[in-house]
Structures are given as C-alpha cells and as structure tokens.
Amino acid sequence: MSEESGPEQELSAYPEYAERVFEVAELIPPGRVMTYGDVAEWLEEGGPRQVGRVMALYGDAVPWWRVVRADGRLLPGHELRALGHYRAEATPLREAGRASEGHVPRLDMRRARWDGAAAVDDAAGSGEAAPPRAPEAHT
C-alpha cells in the first residue's frame, strides 16, 4: 500500500478500475476474504495482478486486509497489521507451523473465503441492479 494513498483521499480521485475494485472490497463482510482473482472475476475485468496492483497503490482507502493472496499467506510487510484486523473480525486462521517463517498464521481459505452470494441476494431484494455473481471458491 502506498504512502501516497489514504482513506482521506476521495474515491472519485482514483482511476475507474480502482473504484470498481474498492466497491467489491467494501462488500466483503468482516471475517471473510476474497482473493485478488475472485475480485477480478467478480468484475469480469482484469486479473489478479491488476487487482493486486490497485490494492498496493490505493488499498488504504478500503478494508485491504479482506482482499488476499489465494494461498492464504498474509501480505508481506503488513502481516502484523493484517493479523490485528483478522483477529478483531474473527477471520478463520490456520496456526503457523514451527517451520513457517516468523510463525505467522495463514488465513484458513476454505472457511474464510467469501463467494459474494449475500451481496447478490441483498441487491436483488432491494430492487437495485445486482452485481454479477461472485466466482465459485477455488482452492
């Protein structure tokens, strides 16, 4: 995440694709995550690298810790900040083995991964246009 970005910056100041990525990130409920690839599939545009780039440059504008790597490893350099958010939100974690670097836990992707179904159902019930159905969770 860039030092130049921050929550104080208006969302309209970001590129259009970044704003769309942020909209998806803000839909993810506390305690759940989507991978970079899941977000790209949800948007039907770009790929994991593009979503990762948006999050690296501007991610402080949204709950960045909810958009993650597919392998469940915590974001390098931000592990402790992310871990604080995960513990506060009761995000499922897998305890680190003794052989893992720094003994930092990983996300339990099978339990933490969110498919977006509730967001689609909520939008349909409100009469608003529903966002596209999120991808099936792959591990």
C-alpha atoms as a PDB file:
ATOM      1  CA  MET A   1       0.000   0.000   0.000  1.00  0.00           C
ATOM      2  CA  SER A   2       1.311   3.340  -0.982  1.00  0.00           C
ATOM      3  CA  GLU A   3       2.180   6.086   1.443  1.00  0.00           C
ATOM      4  CA  GLU A   4       0.543   8.498  -1.010  1.00  0.00           C
ATOM      5  CA  SER A   5      -2.871   6.884  -0.708  1.00  0.00           C
ATOM      6  CA  GLY A   6      -5.097   7.010   2.275  1.00  0.00           C
ATOM      7  CA  PRO A   7      -8.680   6.973   3.439  1.00  0.00           C
ATOM      8  CA  GLU A   8      -8.786  10.772   3.381  1.00  0.00           C
ATOM      9  CA  GLN A   9      -8.490  10.775  -0.402  1.00  0.00           C
ATOM     10  CA  GLU A  10     -11.881  10.933  -2.177  1.00  0.00           C
ATOM     11  CA  LEU A  11     -12.780   7.742  -4.052  1.00  0.00           C
ATOM     12  CA  SER A  12     -13.533   9.797  -7.174  1.00  0.00           C
ATOM     13  CA  ALA A  13      -9.822  10.728  -7.264  1.00  0.00           C
ATOM     14  CA  TYR A  14      -8.917   7.128  -8.142  1.00  0.00           C
ATOM     15  CA  PRO A  15      -8.911   5.512 -11.588  1.00  0.00           C
ATOM     16  CA  GLU A  16     -12.255   3.970 -12.598  1.00  0.00           C
ATOM     17  CA  TYR A  17     -10.991   0.379 -12.344  1.00  0.00           C
ATOM     18  CA  ALA A  18      -9.658   1.074  -8.846  1.00  0.00           C
ATOM     19  CA  GLU A  19     -13.042   2.440  -7.782  1.00  0.00           C
ATOM     20  CA  ARG A  20     -14.685  -0.762  -9.010  1.00  0.00           C
ATOM     21  CA  VAL A  21     -12.170  -2.868  -7.072  1.00  0.00           C
ATOM     22  CA  PHE A  22     -12.927  -0.783  -3.961  1.00  0.00           C
ATOM     23  CA  GLU A  23     -16.665  -1.351  -4.365  1.00  0.00           C
ATOM     24  CA  VAL A  24     -16.115  -5.101  -4.252  1.00  0.00           C
ATOM     25  CA  ALA A  25     -13.683  -4.849  -1.308  1.00  0.00           C
ATOM     26  CA  GLU A  26     -16.266  -2.883   0.658  1.00  0.00           C
ATOM     27  CA  LEU A  27     -18.894  -5.598   0.081  1.00  0.00           C
ATOM     28  CA  ILE A  28     -16.771  -8.268   1.771  1.00  0.00           C
ATOM     29  CA  PRO A  29     -18.154  -8.782   5.276  1.00  0.00           C
ATOM     30  CA  PRO A  30     -15.931  -8.660   8.359  1.00  0.00           C
ATOM     31  CA  GLY A  31     -14.309 -12.019   8.997  1.00  0.00           C
ATOM     32  CA  ARG A  32     -14.391 -13.021   5.328  1.00  0.00           C
ATOM     33  CA  VAL A  33     -11.974 -12.571   2.402  1.00  0.00           C
ATOM     34  CA  MET A  34     -11.821 -12.696  -1.397  1.00  0.00           C
ATOM     35  CA  THR A  35      -8.690 -13.375  -3.407  1.00  0.00           C
ATOM     36  CA  TYR A  36      -7.316 -10.949  -5.961  1.00  0.00           C
ATOM     37  CA  GLY A  37      -8.513 -13.369  -8.631  1.00  0.00           C
ATOM     38  CA  ASP A  38     -12.001 -13.569  -7.092  1.00  0.00           C
ATOM     39  CA  VAL A  39     -12.309  -9.784  -7.281  1.00  0.00           C
ATOM     40  CA  ALA A  40     -11.183  -9.763 -10.928  1.00  0.00           C
ATOM     41  CA  GLU A  41     -13.727 -12.491 -11.758  1.00  0.00           C
ATOM     42  CA  TRP A  42     -16.458 -10.581  -9.913  1.00  0.00           C
ATOM     43  CA  LEU A  43     -15.677  -7.509 -12.011  1.00  0.00           C
ATOM     44  CA  GLU A  44     -15.331  -9.591 -15.184  1.00  0.00           C
ATOM     45  CA  GLU A  45     -12.312  -7.437 -15.960  1.00  0.00           C
ATOM     46  CA  GLY A  46      -8.588  -7.575 -15.349  1.00  0.00           C
ATOM     47  CA  GLY A  47      -6.889 -10.313 -13.411  1.00  0.00           C
ATOM     48  CA  PRO A  48      -5.282 -10.986 -10.049  1.00  0.00           C
ATOM     49  CA  ARG A  49      -2.226  -8.880 -10.870  1.00  0.00           C
ATOM     50  CA  GLN A  50      -4.316  -5.838 -11.794  1.00  0.00           C
ATOM     51  CA  VAL A  51      -6.360  -6.130  -8.600  1.00  0.00           C
ATOM     52  CA  GLY A  52      -3.158  -6.606  -6.594  1.00  0.00           C
ATOM     53  CA  ARG A  53      -1.662  -3.502  -8.185  1.00  0.00           C
ATOM     54  CA  VAL A  54      -4.740  -1.430  -7.303  1.00  0.00           C
ATOM     55  CA  MET A  55      -4.599  -2.669  -3.730  1.00  0.00           C
ATOM     56  CA  ALA A  56      -0.851  -1.991  -3.492  1.00  0.00           C
ATOM     57  CA  LEU A  57      -1.215   1.574  -4.755  1.00  0.00           C
ATOM     58  CA  TYR A  58      -4.520   2.647  -3.219  1.00  0.00           C
ATOM     59  CA  GLY A  59      -5.653  -0.077  -0.835  1.00  0.00           C
ATOM     60  CA  ASP A  60      -5.676   2.051   2.312  1.00  0.00           C
ATOM     61  CA  ALA A  61      -8.954   3.560   1.070  1.00  0.00           C
ATOM     62  CA  VAL A  62     -10.827   0.301   1.809  1.00  0.00           C
ATOM     63  CA  PRO A  63     -10.589  -2.778   4.069  1.00  0.00           C
ATOM     64  CA  TRP A  64      -7.469  -4.006   2.238  1.00  0.00           C
ATOM     65  CA  TRP A  65      -6.952  -6.979   4.557  1.00  0.00           C
ATOM     66  CA  ARG A  66     -10.089  -8.621   3.089  1.00  0.00           C
ATOM     67  CA  VAL A  67      -8.541  -8.896  -0.421  1.00  0.00           C
ATOM     68  CA  VAL A  68      -5.854 -11.535  -0.196  1.00  0.00           C
ATOM     69  CA  ARG A  69      -3.498 -13.985  -1.862  1.00  0.00           C
ATOM     70  CA  ALA A  70      -5.052 -17.297  -2.909  1.00  0.00           C
ATOM     71  CA  ASP A  71      -2.601 -19.300  -0.779  1.00  0.00           C
ATOM     72  CA  GLY A  72      -3.740 -17.606   2.440  1.00  0.00           C
ATOM     73  CA  ARG A  73      -0.341 -16.109   3.272  1.00  0.00           C
ATOM     74  CA  LEU A  74      -0.537 -12.668   4.848  1.00  0.00           C
ATOM     75  CA  LEU A  75       0.623  -9.648   2.876  1.00  0.00           C
ATOM     76  CA  PRO A  76       4.416  -9.397   3.256  1.00  0.00           C
ATOM     77  CA  GLY A  77       5.412  -6.340   5.257  1.00  0.00           C
ATOM     78  CA  HIS A  78       1.871  -5.898   6.589  1.00  0.00           C
ATOM     79  CA  GLU A  79       1.452  -9.200   8.440  1.00  0.00           C
ATOM     80  CA  LEU A  80       1.028  -7.721  11.905  1.00  0.00           C
ATOM     81  CA  ARG A  81      -1.422  -5.019  10.787  1.00  0.00           C
ATOM     82  CA  ALA A  82      -3.463  -7.589   8.871  1.00  0.00           C
ATOM     83  CA  LEU A  83      -3.331 -10.084  11.728  1.00  0.00           C
ATOM     84  CA  GLY A  84      -4.769  -7.459  14.075  1.00  0.00           C
ATOM     85  CA  HIS A  85      -7.716  -6.938  11.718  1.00  0.00           C
ATOM     86  CA  TYR A  86      -8.247 -10.690  11.256  1.00  0.00           C
ATOM     87  CA  ARG A  87      -8.285 -11.318  14.988  1.00  0.00           C
ATOM     88  CA  ALA A  88     -10.634  -8.378  15.631  1.00  0.00           C
ATOM     89  CA  GLU A  89     -13.021  -9.668  12.945  1.00  0.00           C
ATOM     90  CA  ALA A  90     -12.685 -13.364  13.929  1.00  0.00           C
ATOM     91  CA  THR A  91     -11.445 -14.278  10.449  1.00  0.00           C
ATOM     92  CA  PRO A  92     -10.612 -18.009  10.361  1.00  0.00           C
ATOM     93  CA  LEU A  93      -6.867 -18.576  10.613  1.00  0.00           C
ATOM     94  CA  ARG A  94      -4.617 -21.618  10.427  1.00  0.00           C
ATOM     95  CA  GLU A  95      -1.915 -21.657  13.054  1.00  0.00           C
ATOM     96  CA  ALA A  96       1.596 -21.479  11.702  1.00  0.00           C
ATOM     97  CA  GLY A  97       3.825 -24.481  11.901  1.00  0.00           C
ATOM     98  CA  ARG A  98       7.208 -24.248  13.550  1.00  0.00           C
ATOM     99  CA  ALA A  99       8.866 -24.370  10.134  1.00  0.00           C
ATOM    100  CA  SER A 100       6.972 -21.348   8.803  1.00  0.00           C
ATOM    101  CA  GLU A 101       8.822 -18.084   8.606  1.00  0.00           C
ATOM    102  CA  GLY A 102       8.168 -15.970  11.702  1.00  0.00           C
ATOM    103  CA  HIS A 103       5.444 -18.396  12.833  1.00  0.00           C
ATOM    104  CA  VAL A 104       2.818 -16.120  11.260  1.00  0.00           C
ATOM    105  CA  PRO A 105      -0.541 -17.850  10.796  1.00  0.00           C
ATOM    106  CA  ARG A 106      -2.212 -18.118   7.397  1.00  0.00           C
ATOM    107  CA  LEU A 107      -5.811 -17.496   6.520  1.00  0.00           C
ATOM    108  CA  ASP A 108      -7.978 -20.601   6.529  1.00  0.00           C
ATOM    109  CA  MET A 109      -9.123 -20.028   2.955  1.00  0.00           C
ATOM    110  CA  ARG A 110     -11.640 -22.845   2.994  1.00  0.00           C
ATOM    111  CA  ARG A 111     -13.559 -21.204   5.845  1.00  0.00           C
ATOM    112  CA  ALA A 112     -12.741 -17.509   5.282  1.00  0.00           C
ATOM    113  CA  ARG A 113     -13.326 -17.227   1.533  1.00  0.00           C
ATOM    114  CA  TRP A 114     -16.485 -15.316   0.626  1.00  0.00           C
ATOM    115  CA  ASP A 115     -18.378 -16.008  -2.586  1.00  0.00           C
ATOM    116  CA  GLY A 116     -20.395 -12.794  -2.580  1.00  0.00           C
ATOM    117  CA  ALA A 117     -23.744 -14.576  -2.562  1.00  0.00           C
ATOM    118  CA  ALA A 118     -25.180 -12.423   0.240  1.00  0.00           C
ATOM    119  CA  ALA A 119     -24.325  -9.219  -1.649  1.00  0.00           C
ATOM    120  CA  VAL A 120     -26.097 -10.530  -4.745  1.00  0.00           C
ATOM    121  CA  ASP A 121     -29.131 -11.584  -2.686  1.00  0.00           C
ATOM    122  CA  ASP A 122     -29.249  -8.230  -0.827  1.00  0.00           C
ATOM    123  CA  ALA A 123     -29.119  -6.248  -4.065  1.00  0.00           C
ATOM    124  CA  ALA A 124     -31.859  -8.396  -5.610  1.00  0.00           C
ATOM    125  CA  GLY A 125     -34.125  -7.900  -2.580  1.00  0.00           C
ATOM    126  CA  SER A 126     -33.639  -4.131  -2.575  1.00  0.00           C
ATOM    127  CA  GLY A 127     -34.696  -3.672  -6.184  1.00  0.00           C
ATOM    128  CA  GLU A 128     -31.209  -2.455  -7.126  1.00  0.00           C
ATOM    129  CA  ALA A 129     -29.322  -3.974 -10.001  1.00  0.00           C
ATOM    130  CA  ALA A 130     -27.481  -6.966  -8.596  1.00  0.00           C
ATOM    131  CA  PRO A 131     -23.725  -7.152  -9.102  1.00  0.00           C
ATOM    132  CA  PRO A 132     -22.562 -10.154 -11.084  1.00  0.00           C
ATOM    133  CA  ARG A 133     -22.430 -13.393  -9.094  1.00  0.00           C
ATOM    134  CA  ALA A 134     -19.045 -13.896  -7.492  1.00  0.00           C
ATOM    135  CA  PRO A 135     -16.890 -16.768  -8.684  1.00  0.00           C
ATOM    136  CA  GLU A 136     -17.020 -20.219  -7.166  1.00  0.00           C
ATOM    137  CA  ALA A 137     -14.377 -20.595  -4.487  1.00  0.00           C
ATOM    138  CA  HIS A 138     -11.334 -22.475  -5.792  1.00  0.00           C
ATOM    139  CA  THR A 139      -8.538 -23.677  -3.618  1.00  0.00           C
END
